[in-house]
Amino acid sequence: MEIFPSLSTALSSQSLFVAIVFTALCFFLVLFSARSLPLWPRLLQSDGGEKRSEKLCDCRCCCNGSVGGCSEGETAPYLNGTEMAENWPVLRERQTGASMMEQLVPEITTHALSYLDYPSLCRLSMTNSLMRKAANDDNAWKALYHKDFTLEQDNVTPVNGWKAYYAATRAIVNVNNEFFNIIRDRSLQAMSRFWLNADYVKCVHASGNLFSGYNAVIHSWQFAFNWEQGINFQVRDVRARVLTDMAWVSMKTYVDDVDIGPFNVTNVFEFHNGRWYMVHHHSSVMDGEVEQQIVHG
């Protein structure tokens, strides 16, 4: 009969041990679950009895009960429970929403913008302030100038930058194209407005005749337009140089159904009263049997 009290005592001790172990496991499980929560706040008691909260999230706050209310000099001291003062500039850069294009080095940006044409580059500058800064880069406009016009003038330093120089060159090239359109249309009235009314203007036609002064020049064009048949020609190898109030354009013209040629043409313009006027035109024929050689000094 003494066996049963001993057995009962043993079972009672074993149940107590299992209960203690089970309770401890539950306690550690609850503690682990609480610490694994990403937004779980912990109140830390300081030496002065004040409480401060430590945010374990990656949001920016000043731990004063408001989010986003930090002053310019304050930073969020913790990021997932670790100090992140050294990483805060990177985080602020990401918060600005900077695109990959805006984070490229200037050389790569300039190379990428060199594939854009004139209208596209102007539209890009109107998107936002960062793209406007990139699109107004002097190297980008210099590359576009060499692509659209000529590889010459590489050592030129425009006073107002390459963007303004590109616009001025584009304007004078358009004026030069207008001159040849007037010749195709044989409009004496348009040619009269195109030339500057001055006594020093000069015109040398392909025939070799020189005309000096405004009236003589316009009469020479009247004689040329009175020919019964018009002429068809193409303009190639256009090179322009633009100064503040003066510009000159050199090119070659090829006349259809003519045995002679091509012609070397030089046009000189002056800027007066907000527009460009022609002051000199020179056209001379090249011997087709002789290859022209351009000598660079």
Protein backbone atom coordinates (compact mmCIF):
# COMPACT_ATOMS: atom_id res chain seq x y z
CA MET A 1 0.00 0.00 0.00
CA GLU A 2 2.98 2.35 0.47
CA ILE A 3 3.69 2.11 -3.28
CA PHE A 4 0.68 4.27 -4.22
CA PRO A 5 1.64 7.33 -2.08
CA SER A 6 5.18 7.24 -3.51
CA LEU A 7 3.85 6.91 -7.04
CA SER A 8 1.42 9.77 -6.48
CA THR A 9 4.18 12.01 -5.17
CA ALA A 10 6.38 11.23 -8.21
CA LEU A 11 3.61 11.98 -10.68
CA SER A 12 2.83 15.24 -8.91
CA SER A 13 6.50 16.37 -9.12
CA GLN A 14 6.70 15.43 -12.83
CA SER A 15 3.53 17.40 -13.67
CA LEU A 16 4.89 20.46 -11.89
CA PHE A 17 8.13 20.29 -13.89
CA VAL A 18 6.24 19.97 -17.22
CA ALA A 19 4.07 22.93 -16.27
CA ILE A 20 7.11 25.07 -15.47
CA VAL A 21 8.82 24.17 -18.76
CA PHE A 22 5.64 24.84 -20.77
CA THR A 23 5.15 28.21 -19.07
CA ALA A 24 8.77 29.22 -19.81
CA LEU A 25 8.40 28.27 -23.48
CA CYS A 26 5.22 30.33 -23.76
CA PHE A 27 6.95 33.31 -22.17
CA PHE A 28 9.91 33.17 -24.60
CA LEU A 29 7.54 32.70 -27.53
CA VAL A 30 5.56 35.80 -26.61
CA LEU A 31 8.76 37.80 -26.07
CA PHE A 32 10.19 36.74 -29.45
CA SER A 33 6.92 37.59 -31.22
CA ALA A 34 6.84 41.03 -29.63
CA ARG A 35 10.43 41.86 -30.62
CA SER A 36 9.91 40.71 -34.22
CA LEU A 37 7.12 43.24 -34.90
CA PRO A 38 8.53 45.98 -37.27
CA LEU A 39 6.54 48.86 -35.75
CA TRP A 40 6.78 47.83 -32.09
CA PRO A 41 7.65 50.89 -29.95
CA ARG A 42 9.80 50.57 -26.85
CA LEU A 43 9.76 53.06 -24.04
CA LEU A 44 13.19 53.52 -22.58
CA GLN A 45 13.51 55.02 -19.13
CA SER A 46 16.29 57.65 -18.99
CA ASP A 47 18.28 58.72 -15.96
CA GLY A 48 16.07 61.77 -15.38
CA GLY A 49 12.90 59.74 -15.35
CA GLU A 50 11.81 60.98 -18.78
CA LYS A 51 10.67 58.60 -21.43
CA ARG A 52 11.70 58.65 -25.05
CA SER A 53 10.41 56.42 -27.83
CA GLU A 54 12.64 54.61 -30.26
CA LYS A 55 11.01 53.97 -33.64
CA LEU A 56 12.12 50.78 -35.25
CA CYS A 57 10.62 51.70 -38.62
CA ASP A 58 12.51 53.35 -41.47
CA CYS A 59 10.33 56.45 -41.59
CA ARG A 60 11.59 59.93 -40.76
CA CYS A 61 10.36 61.40 -37.50
CA CYS A 62 11.63 63.39 -34.57
CA CYS A 63 10.16 61.10 -31.90
CA ASN A 64 8.02 63.93 -30.56
CA GLY A 65 4.69 62.48 -31.51
CA SER A 66 4.59 63.98 -34.99
CA VAL A 67 5.88 62.58 -38.25
CA GLY A 68 7.62 64.78 -40.79
CA GLY A 69 7.91 67.69 -38.39
CA CYS A 70 11.68 67.76 -38.08
CA SER A 71 13.56 70.94 -38.54
CA GLU A 72 16.31 71.32 -41.15
CA GLY A 73 19.09 70.37 -38.77
CA GLU A 74 17.38 67.33 -37.23
CA THR A 75 17.70 63.83 -38.53
CA ALA A 76 16.10 60.53 -37.68
CA PRO A 77 18.59 58.84 -35.33
CA TYR A 78 17.53 55.24 -35.85
CA LEU A 79 16.84 53.09 -38.85
CA ASN A 80 15.60 49.63 -37.86
CA GLY A 81 17.23 50.07 -34.47
CA THR A 82 20.68 51.13 -35.80
CA GLU A 83 22.40 54.46 -36.17
CA MET A 84 22.10 55.85 -39.70
CA ALA A 85 23.56 59.36 -39.56
CA GLU A 86 26.15 58.47 -42.16
CA ASN A 87 23.45 57.12 -44.53
CA TRP A 88 21.05 60.05 -44.20
CA PRO A 89 22.32 62.00 -47.30
CA VAL A 90 21.68 58.94 -49.46
CA LEU A 91 18.19 58.58 -48.01
CA ARG A 92 17.42 62.25 -48.63
CA GLU A 93 18.60 61.92 -52.25
CA ARG A 94 16.23 59.00 -52.76
CA GLN A 95 13.38 60.98 -51.23
CA THR A 96 13.74 63.72 -53.86
CA GLY A 97 12.51 61.34 -56.57
CA ALA A 98 15.59 61.80 -58.73
CA SER A 99 15.40 59.74 -61.88
CA MET A 100 18.19 57.58 -63.24
CA MET A 101 18.83 60.15 -65.97
CA GLU A 102 19.38 62.85 -63.36
CA GLN A 103 21.90 60.74 -61.44
CA LEU A 104 24.17 60.08 -64.43
CA VAL A 105 27.60 61.62 -64.59
CA PRO A 106 27.81 64.72 -66.87
CA GLU A 107 29.80 62.93 -69.58
CA ILE A 108 27.18 60.19 -69.99
CA THR A 109 24.35 62.74 -69.89
CA THR A 110 26.01 64.80 -72.63
CA HIS A 111 26.51 61.70 -74.78
CA ALA A 112 22.86 60.69 -74.33
CA LEU A 113 21.60 64.17 -75.18
CA SER A 114 23.76 64.25 -78.34
CA TYR A 115 21.28 61.82 -79.97
CA LEU A 116 18.46 64.38 -79.66
CA ASP A 117 17.70 66.88 -82.38
CA TYR A 118 17.07 70.60 -81.90
CA PRO A 119 13.28 70.45 -81.19
CA SER A 120 13.63 67.46 -78.84
CA LEU A 121 16.34 69.15 -76.80
CA CYS A 122 14.19 72.26 -76.45
CA ARG A 123 11.19 70.20 -75.32
CA LEU A 124 13.34 68.35 -72.80
CA SER A 125 14.40 71.65 -71.22
CA MET A 126 10.74 72.43 -70.47
CA THR A 127 10.02 69.28 -68.43
CA ASN A 128 11.51 70.23 -65.06
CA SER A 129 14.34 72.21 -63.51
CA LEU A 130 16.83 69.33 -63.46
CA MET A 131 16.20 68.42 -67.09
CA ARG A 132 16.39 72.10 -68.03
CA LYS A 133 19.84 72.24 -66.43
CA ALA A 134 20.94 69.14 -68.33
CA ALA A 135 19.45 70.32 -71.65
CA ASN A 136 21.14 73.73 -71.33
CA ASP A 137 24.57 72.17 -70.85
CA ASP A 138 27.11 73.90 -73.10
CA ASN A 139 28.77 70.64 -74.18
CA ALA A 140 25.43 69.20 -75.33
CA TRP A 141 24.79 72.18 -77.60
CA LYS A 142 28.35 72.11 -78.92
CA ALA A 143 27.90 68.46 -79.87
CA LEU A 144 24.57 69.25 -81.54
CA TYR A 145 26.20 72.13 -83.46
CA HIS A 146 28.91 69.86 -84.85
CA LYS A 147 26.31 67.25 -85.78
CA ASP A 148 23.91 69.63 -87.56
CA PHE A 149 26.31 72.13 -89.14
CA THR A 150 30.03 71.50 -89.26
CA LEU A 151 32.92 69.95 -87.37
CA GLU A 152 34.83 73.19 -87.84
CA GLN A 153 35.04 75.92 -85.19
CA ASP A 154 35.86 73.40 -82.49
CA ASN A 155 38.17 75.91 -80.79
CA VAL A 156 35.61 78.71 -80.91
CA THR A 157 34.35 79.98 -77.54
CA PRO A 158 31.01 81.73 -78.13
CA VAL A 159 30.43 84.77 -75.93
CA ASN A 160 26.89 83.74 -74.96
CA GLY A 161 27.50 79.98 -74.95
CA TRP A 162 26.95 77.25 -77.53
CA LYS A 163 23.17 77.24 -77.19
CA ALA A 164 22.92 80.88 -78.28
CA TYR A 165 25.53 80.28 -80.99
CA TYR A 166 23.57 77.30 -82.29
CA ALA A 167 20.39 79.40 -82.45
CA ALA A 168 22.22 82.22 -84.28
CA THR A 169 23.76 79.79 -86.78
CA ARG A 170 20.42 78.14 -87.36
CA ALA A 171 18.87 81.56 -88.01
CA ILE A 172 21.52 82.62 -90.53
CA VAL A 173 21.30 79.26 -92.35
CA ASN A 174 17.54 79.78 -92.68
CA VAL A 175 18.14 83.28 -94.05
CA ASN A 176 20.61 81.86 -96.54
CA ASN A 177 18.03 79.27 -97.64
CA GLU A 178 15.55 82.09 -98.15
CA PHE A 179 17.98 83.71 -100.60
CA PHE A 180 17.98 80.63 -102.82
CA ASN A 181 14.20 80.31 -102.57
CA ILE A 182 13.94 83.88 -103.91
CA ILE A 183 16.15 82.89 -106.85
CA ARG A 184 13.94 79.85 -107.56
CA ASP A 185 10.80 82.04 -107.42
CA ARG A 186 12.51 84.81 -109.42
CA SER A 187 10.91 87.44 -107.21
CA LEU A 188 12.57 90.83 -107.73
CA GLN A 189 10.45 92.42 -105.00
CA ALA A 190 11.61 89.87 -102.41
CA MET A 191 15.22 90.25 -103.57
CA SER A 192 14.96 94.04 -103.16
CA ARG A 193 13.90 93.59 -99.52
CA PHE A 194 16.57 90.97 -98.94
CA TRP A 195 19.53 93.26 -99.69
CA LEU A 196 20.69 96.10 -97.44
CA ASN A 197 20.06 99.46 -99.06
CA ALA A 198 23.62 100.75 -98.86
CA ASP A 199 26.25 101.96 -101.30
CA TYR A 200 28.86 99.43 -100.23
CA VAL A 201 26.93 96.24 -101.04
CA LYS A 202 28.45 94.16 -103.84
CA CYS A 203 27.41 91.24 -106.01
CA VAL A 204 29.61 89.06 -108.24
CA HIS A 205 27.60 86.71 -110.45
CA ALA A 206 28.91 83.49 -111.94
CA SER A 207 29.53 85.34 -115.20
CA GLY A 208 32.30 87.26 -113.44
CA ASN A 209 30.60 90.67 -113.60
CA LEU A 210 30.88 92.84 -110.48
CA PHE A 211 28.02 95.11 -109.39
CA SER A 212 28.57 97.65 -106.62
CA GLY A 213 25.90 99.65 -104.79
CA TYR A 214 22.28 98.81 -104.02
CA ASN A 215 20.71 100.00 -107.29
CA ALA A 216 23.29 98.26 -109.48
CA VAL A 217 22.91 95.02 -107.56
CA ILE A 218 19.10 94.98 -107.84
CA HIS A 219 19.28 95.75 -111.58
CA SER A 220 21.64 92.79 -112.04
CA TRP A 221 19.09 90.48 -110.43
CA GLN A 222 16.31 91.96 -112.58
CA PHE A 223 18.34 91.04 -115.65
CA ALA A 224 18.93 87.53 -114.32
CA PHE A 225 15.24 86.96 -113.53
CA ASN A 226 14.18 88.09 -117.01
CA TRP A 227 15.56 84.90 -118.49
CA GLU A 228 12.76 82.89 -120.01
CA GLN A 229 13.70 79.65 -118.34
CA GLY A 230 14.32 79.06 -114.69
CA ILE A 231 17.12 76.96 -113.27
CA ASN A 232 17.12 74.07 -110.87
CA PHE A 233 20.03 73.68 -108.50
CA GLN A 234 21.06 72.06 -105.24
CA VAL A 235 22.98 73.67 -102.40
CA ARG A 236 25.50 71.53 -100.51
CA ASP A 237 28.37 71.76 -98.03
CA VAL A 238 27.00 74.81 -96.23
CA ARG A 239 29.38 76.36 -93.66
CA ALA A 240 28.38 79.37 -91.54
CA ARG A 241 30.22 81.67 -89.17
CA VAL A 242 28.26 84.10 -87.02
CA LEU A 243 29.49 87.13 -85.09
CA THR A 244 27.47 89.70 -83.16
CA ASP A 245 26.22 91.72 -86.15
CA MET A 246 27.92 90.00 -89.08
CA ALA A 247 27.85 86.53 -90.61
CA TRP A 248 29.09 84.77 -93.71
CA VAL A 249 28.08 81.50 -95.34
CA SER A 250 30.07 79.47 -97.86
CA MET A 251 28.64 76.62 -99.93
CA LYS A 252 28.64 74.85 -103.29
CA THR A 253 25.78 74.95 -105.81
CA TYR A 254 25.14 72.34 -108.47
CA VAL A 255 23.01 73.43 -111.43
CA ASP A 256 20.97 70.81 -113.28
CA ASP A 257 21.51 70.29 -117.01
CA VAL A 258 24.58 72.51 -117.06
CA ASP A 259 27.95 71.24 -118.18
CA ILE A 260 29.94 73.63 -116.05
CA GLY A 261 30.17 73.70 -112.29
CA PRO A 262 29.84 73.27 -109.46
CA PHE A 263 29.89 76.87 -108.25
CA ASN A 264 31.59 78.22 -105.16
CA VAL A 265 29.25 80.68 -103.42
CA THR A 266 29.89 83.05 -100.53
CA ASN A 267 27.18 85.20 -98.93
CA VAL A 268 27.86 87.91 -96.34
CA PHE A 269 25.16 89.31 -94.06
CA GLU A 270 24.87 92.21 -91.62
CA PHE A 271 22.39 92.54 -88.75
CA HIS A 272 20.35 95.77 -88.77
CA ASN A 273 17.13 96.72 -86.98
CA GLY A 274 16.42 93.20 -85.73
CA ARG A 275 17.00 91.26 -88.96
CA TRP A 276 19.73 90.01 -91.29
CA TYR A 277 20.44 91.72 -94.65
CA MET A 278 22.69 90.53 -97.45
CA VAL A 279 25.61 92.86 -98.22
CA HIS A 280 27.77 90.67 -100.44
CA HIS A 281 27.23 87.76 -102.84
CA HIS A 282 29.98 86.06 -104.79
CA SER A 283 29.57 83.11 -107.17
CA SER A 284 32.39 81.64 -109.20
CA VAL A 285 32.47 78.54 -111.36
CA MET A 286 34.81 75.64 -110.65
CA ASP A 287 36.40 73.68 -113.46
CA GLY A 288 34.86 70.23 -113.30
CA GLU A 289 38.05 68.61 -114.58
CA VAL A 290 40.17 70.01 -111.77
CA GLU A 291 39.73 68.55 -108.32
CA GLN A 292 39.44 71.24 -105.68
CA GLN A 293 41.77 71.02 -102.74
CA ILE A 294 41.06 72.78 -99.46
CA VAL A 295 44.21 73.75 -97.62
CA HIS A 296 43.84 74.26 -93.86
CA GLY A 297 46.38 76.59 -92.27
